[in-house]
Protein backbone atom coordinates (compact mmCIF):
# COMPACT_ATOMS: atom_id res chain seq x y z
CA UNK A 1 38.09 1.90 73.97
CA UNK A 2 34.57 2.23 72.62
CA UNK A 3 31.70 2.58 75.14
CA UNK A 4 30.05 -0.41 73.38
CA UNK A 5 32.90 -2.63 74.53
CA UNK A 6 31.93 -2.13 78.16
CA UNK A 7 28.15 -2.94 77.82
CA UNK A 8 26.62 -5.36 80.23
CA UNK A 9 24.68 -8.39 78.73
CA UNK A 10 21.38 -6.64 79.50
CA UNK A 11 22.53 -3.39 77.84
CA UNK A 12 23.77 -5.31 74.90
CA UNK A 13 20.45 -7.21 74.51
CA UNK A 14 18.51 -3.83 74.79
CA UNK A 15 20.82 -2.28 72.13
CA UNK A 16 20.27 -5.25 69.84
CA UNK A 17 16.51 -5.03 70.40
CA UNK A 18 16.52 -1.31 69.53
CA UNK A 19 18.70 -1.81 66.48
CA UNK A 20 16.38 -4.54 65.21
CA UNK A 21 13.30 -2.37 65.76
CA UNK A 22 15.07 0.44 63.96
CA UNK A 23 15.98 -1.78 61.05
CA UNK A 24 12.30 -2.95 60.75
CA UNK A 25 11.14 0.68 60.89
CA UNK A 26 13.58 1.56 58.16
CA UNK A 27 12.46 -1.40 55.99
CA UNK A 28 8.79 -0.40 56.42
CA UNK A 29 9.67 3.23 55.46
CA UNK A 30 11.64 2.03 52.46
CA UNK A 31 8.61 -0.10 51.35
CA UNK A 32 6.35 2.88 51.75
CA UNK A 33 8.71 5.03 49.74
CA UNK A 34 8.91 2.50 46.90
CA UNK A 35 5.19 2.30 46.73
CA UNK A 36 4.86 6.11 46.71
CA UNK A 37 7.44 6.30 43.95
CA UNK A 38 5.66 3.63 41.92
CA UNK A 39 2.36 5.47 42.39
CA UNK A 40 3.93 8.70 41.26
CA UNK A 41 5.44 7.14 38.16
CA UNK A 42 2.18 5.57 37.12
CA UNK A 43 0.29 8.87 37.65
CA UNK A 44 2.90 10.73 35.72
CA UNK A 45 2.63 8.35 32.81
CA UNK A 46 -1.17 8.61 32.74
CA UNK A 47 -1.14 12.41 32.95
CA UNK A 48 1.57 12.64 30.19
CA UNK A 49 -0.57 10.40 27.97
CA UNK A 50 -3.66 12.54 28.67
CA UNK A 51 -1.73 15.74 27.98
CA UNK A 52 -0.35 14.34 24.79
CA UNK A 53 -3.83 13.28 23.61
CA UNK A 54 -5.34 16.69 24.56
CA UNK A 55 -2.51 18.51 22.69
CA UNK A 56 -2.94 16.25 19.65
CA UNK A 57 -6.59 17.25 19.71
CA UNK A 58 -5.64 20.98 20.02
CA UNK A 59 -7.35 21.22 23.44
CA UNK A 60 -4.89 23.56 25.16
CA UNK A 61 -7.38 24.32 27.94
CA UNK A 62 -7.53 20.59 28.82
CA UNK A 63 -3.66 20.48 28.73
CA UNK A 64 -3.52 23.38 31.13
CA UNK A 65 -6.04 21.61 33.55
CA UNK A 66 -4.03 18.46 33.45
CA UNK A 67 -0.77 20.36 34.25
CA UNK A 68 -2.44 22.25 37.24
CA UNK A 69 -3.94 19.06 38.66
CA UNK A 70 -0.69 17.25 38.15
CA UNK A 71 1.18 19.86 40.08
CA UNK A 72 -1.29 19.62 42.97
CA UNK A 73 -0.98 15.85 43.10
CA UNK A 74 2.87 15.97 42.96
CA UNK A 75 2.77 18.46 45.83
CA UNK A 76 0.64 16.13 47.83
CA UNK A 77 2.84 13.16 47.16
CA UNK A 78 5.98 15.12 48.07
CA UNK A 79 4.33 16.22 51.35
CA UNK A 80 3.37 12.62 52.18
CA UNK A 81 6.96 11.44 51.49
CA UNK A 82 8.40 14.07 53.68
CA UNK A 83 6.02 13.34 56.51
CA UNK A 84 6.87 9.66 56.17
CA UNK A 85 10.58 10.34 56.32
CA UNK A 86 10.26 12.53 59.44
CA UNK A 87 8.33 9.94 61.39
CA UNK A 88 10.00 8.89 64.60
CA UNK A 89 10.14 5.40 65.97
């Protein structure tokens, strides 16, 4: 017999309230993750276009600068995603 089968009405209500709050927290986290991924994709497309243009123009120093900046931004985004995923309710 599972422990949940022996819950009182008040305990069941508290459990339902907790689970609903956790579901809302997870939904908010998922929405935040989707926004972060969309931002990352846009930034990647923009930096790729800038790198391509600089390479076409033979400006290898500009390509190098874009790559360095892109790496920094990606690290910041990944840090933010990890922090968001680790938040407690």
